[in-house]
């Protein structure tokens, strides 16, 4: 079941990358993180042993922190939409890193039984799932705001894809 959920997360990661590439304003700051997330999802889905999940998590975390640091520097004059999208990407990368670590710990036997209520994994899992829930609320708000303000549809699709990928990864960490 976990492998199916990880494989299913590859689809929205692919859509997110396509949106980042297809966006007229798409630059390295949106394409590189989307590509890294897709590769990490493929690695998790296939169990690719060349790069452990912790390394992928570190790479996603570094990209997320870098993306967050660049929010004020590269924000456009479109009423904050570009900032909100960049914040959504940055938070998605950091949360994706946390979900990779929790999933790896739960499913590689690091936490004993791997059961979500296990004392050594319970708190990190609960915090990560709370972060995922908050991120999904932010995703819905961003998509609704994008549509109501008639922003380019590619941003709403990208945010939706990232939200779906996060939801699938959160469910996989519980499975």
Protein backbone atom coordinates (compact mmCIF):
# COMPACT_ATOMS: atom_id res chain seq x y z
CA UNK A 1 0.00 0.00 0.00
CA UNK A 2 2.79 2.43 0.90
CA UNK A 3 4.55 1.82 -2.39
CA UNK A 4 1.31 2.50 -4.29
CA UNK A 5 0.87 5.80 -2.45
CA UNK A 6 4.46 6.81 -3.17
CA UNK A 7 3.98 5.85 -6.81
CA UNK A 8 0.74 7.83 -6.92
CA UNK A 9 2.61 10.87 -5.56
CA UNK A 10 4.81 10.80 -8.67
CA UNK A 11 1.84 11.89 -10.81
CA UNK A 12 1.19 15.24 -9.07
CA UNK A 13 4.95 15.80 -8.78
CA UNK A 14 5.15 15.42 -12.56
CA UNK A 15 2.24 17.81 -13.05
CA UNK A 16 3.93 20.32 -10.74
CA UNK A 17 7.14 20.14 -12.75
CA UNK A 18 5.24 20.55 -16.02
CA UNK A 19 3.50 23.62 -14.61
CA UNK A 20 6.80 25.10 -13.44
CA UNK A 21 8.38 24.52 -16.86
CA UNK A 22 5.30 25.69 -18.77
CA UNK A 23 4.82 28.89 -16.79
CA UNK A 24 6.01 31.87 -18.81
CA UNK A 25 7.62 33.25 -15.69
CA UNK A 26 9.01 29.86 -14.74
CA UNK A 27 12.63 30.20 -13.85
CA UNK A 28 15.19 28.08 -12.12
CA UNK A 29 13.70 29.08 -8.75
CA UNK A 30 10.53 27.14 -9.58
CA UNK A 31 11.79 24.48 -12.01
CA UNK A 32 14.75 23.20 -9.97
CA UNK A 33 12.74 22.54 -6.77
CA UNK A 34 9.93 20.89 -8.77
CA UNK A 35 12.46 18.65 -10.53
CA UNK A 36 14.12 17.74 -7.22
CA UNK A 37 10.74 16.87 -5.70
CA UNK A 38 9.86 14.67 -8.68
CA UNK A 39 13.18 12.83 -8.51
CA UNK A 40 12.77 12.34 -4.75
CA UNK A 41 9.24 10.96 -5.30
CA UNK A 42 10.50 8.56 -7.97
CA UNK A 43 13.30 7.45 -5.65
CA UNK A 44 10.83 6.81 -2.82
CA UNK A 45 8.38 5.00 -5.10
CA UNK A 46 11.00 2.71 -6.60
CA UNK A 47 13.13 2.27 -3.49
CA UNK A 48 16.14 3.53 -5.44
CA UNK A 49 19.02 2.62 -3.12
CA UNK A 50 21.64 4.94 -4.62
CA UNK A 51 20.47 7.91 -2.57
CA UNK A 52 18.92 7.33 0.88
CA UNK A 53 15.72 9.19 1.84
CA UNK A 54 17.61 11.28 4.39
CA UNK A 55 19.82 12.70 1.64
CA UNK A 56 16.74 13.54 -0.45
CA UNK A 57 15.20 15.18 2.61
CA UNK A 58 18.34 17.25 3.14
CA UNK A 59 18.33 18.38 -0.48
CA UNK A 60 14.63 19.32 -0.34
CA UNK A 61 15.14 21.16 2.94
CA UNK A 62 18.06 23.14 1.51
CA UNK A 63 16.04 24.06 -1.59
CA UNK A 64 13.07 25.05 0.59
CA UNK A 65 15.17 27.31 2.80
CA UNK A 66 16.79 28.87 -0.28
CA UNK A 67 13.37 29.43 -1.87
CA UNK A 68 12.09 31.07 1.31
CA UNK A 69 15.14 33.33 1.47
CA UNK A 70 14.48 34.53 -2.08
CA UNK A 71 10.80 35.40 -1.57
CA UNK A 72 11.38 39.10 -0.85
CA UNK A 73 14.19 39.44 -3.36
CA UNK A 74 12.30 38.18 -6.42
CA UNK A 75 8.68 39.03 -5.63
CA UNK A 76 6.73 40.57 -8.47
CA UNK A 77 4.30 43.46 -8.42
CA UNK A 78 1.18 41.33 -8.94
CA UNK A 79 -0.49 41.92 -5.59
CA UNK A 80 1.53 39.29 -3.78
CA UNK A 81 0.48 36.30 -5.88
CA UNK A 82 4.09 35.56 -6.88
CA UNK A 83 5.10 35.76 -3.22
CA UNK A 84 2.30 33.42 -2.18
CA UNK A 85 3.28 30.91 -4.87
CA UNK A 86 6.94 31.08 -3.87
CA UNK A 87 5.98 30.64 -0.21
CA UNK A 88 3.81 27.66 -1.18
CA UNK A 89 6.75 26.09 -3.03
CA UNK A 90 9.15 26.72 -0.14
CA UNK A 91 6.78 25.29 2.46
CA UNK A 92 6.06 22.32 0.19
CA UNK A 93 9.75 21.51 -0.04
CA UNK A 94 10.30 21.74 3.72
CA UNK A 95 7.19 19.71 4.44
CA UNK A 96 8.16 17.18 1.74
CA UNK A 97 11.51 16.75 3.47
CA UNK A 98 9.80 16.16 6.82
CA UNK A 99 7.37 13.66 5.27
CA UNK A 100 10.27 11.76 3.65
CA UNK A 101 12.07 11.48 6.99
CA UNK A 102 8.94 10.37 8.87
CA UNK A 103 8.01 7.86 6.16
CA UNK A 104 11.53 6.45 6.04
CA UNK A 105 11.67 6.13 9.84
CA UNK A 106 8.28 4.46 10.02
CA UNK A 107 8.82 2.02 7.18
CA UNK A 108 12.44 1.08 7.67
CA UNK A 109 11.97 -0.15 11.21
CA UNK A 110 13.79 2.79 12.81
CA UNK A 111 10.84 3.39 15.10
CA UNK A 112 10.48 -0.14 16.35
CA UNK A 113 7.10 -1.33 15.15
CA UNK A 114 6.62 1.63 12.78
CA UNK A 115 3.14 2.16 14.19
CA UNK A 116 2.16 5.86 14.25
CA UNK A 117 1.48 5.76 17.99
CA UNK A 118 4.94 4.39 18.78
CA UNK A 119 6.51 6.72 21.36
CA UNK A 120 9.70 7.37 19.39
CA UNK A 121 7.83 8.42 16.24
CA UNK A 122 4.56 9.80 17.63
CA UNK A 123 5.57 13.43 18.18
CA UNK A 124 7.46 13.96 14.91
CA UNK A 125 4.65 12.27 13.02
CA UNK A 126 1.98 14.37 14.73
CA UNK A 127 3.87 17.62 14.07
CA UNK A 128 4.47 16.66 10.45
CA UNK A 129 0.83 15.72 9.90
CA UNK A 130 -0.29 18.98 11.51
CA UNK A 131 2.03 20.81 9.13
CA UNK A 132 0.54 18.86 6.22
CA UNK A 133 -2.98 19.82 7.31
CA UNK A 134 -2.01 23.48 7.51
CA UNK A 135 -0.32 23.28 4.13
CA UNK A 136 -3.45 21.78 2.58
CA UNK A 137 -5.54 24.64 4.01
CA UNK A 138 -3.03 27.11 2.52
CA UNK A 139 -3.24 25.24 -0.80
CA UNK A 140 -7.03 25.51 -0.93
CA UNK A 141 -6.87 29.20 -0.04
CA UNK A 142 -4.22 29.85 -2.70
CA UNK A 143 -6.13 27.98 -5.42
CA UNK A 144 -9.41 29.75 -4.61
CA UNK A 145 -7.64 33.11 -4.51
CA UNK A 146 -5.87 32.42 -7.80
CA UNK A 147 -9.10 31.51 -9.53
CA UNK A 148 -11.08 34.42 -8.09
CA UNK A 149 -8.39 36.91 -9.11
CA UNK A 150 -8.13 35.36 -12.56
CA UNK A 151 -4.45 34.63 -12.13
CA UNK A 152 -2.87 32.32 -14.71
CA UNK A 153 -4.37 28.84 -14.34
CA UNK A 154 -0.94 27.22 -14.31
CA UNK A 155 -0.34 28.54 -10.76
CA UNK A 156 -3.59 27.05 -9.45
CA UNK A 157 -2.79 23.70 -11.09
CA UNK A 158 0.74 23.72 -9.70
CA UNK A 159 -0.49 24.50 -6.18
CA UNK A 160 -3.18 21.81 -6.46
CA UNK A 161 -0.63 19.24 -7.61
CA UNK A 162 1.71 20.07 -4.74
CA UNK A 163 -1.17 19.84 -2.27
CA UNK A 164 -2.23 16.45 -3.64
CA UNK A 165 1.33 15.16 -3.49
CA UNK A 166 1.58 16.31 0.14
CA UNK A 167 -1.70 14.62 1.01
CA UNK A 168 -0.55 11.34 -0.57
CA UNK A 169 2.77 11.48 1.27
CA UNK A 170 0.98 12.18 4.56
CA UNK A 171 -1.33 9.23 4.03
CA UNK A 172 1.68 7.06 3.16
CA UNK A 173 3.35 7.98 6.45
CA UNK A 174 0.28 6.67 8.27
CA UNK A 175 -0.01 3.44 6.27
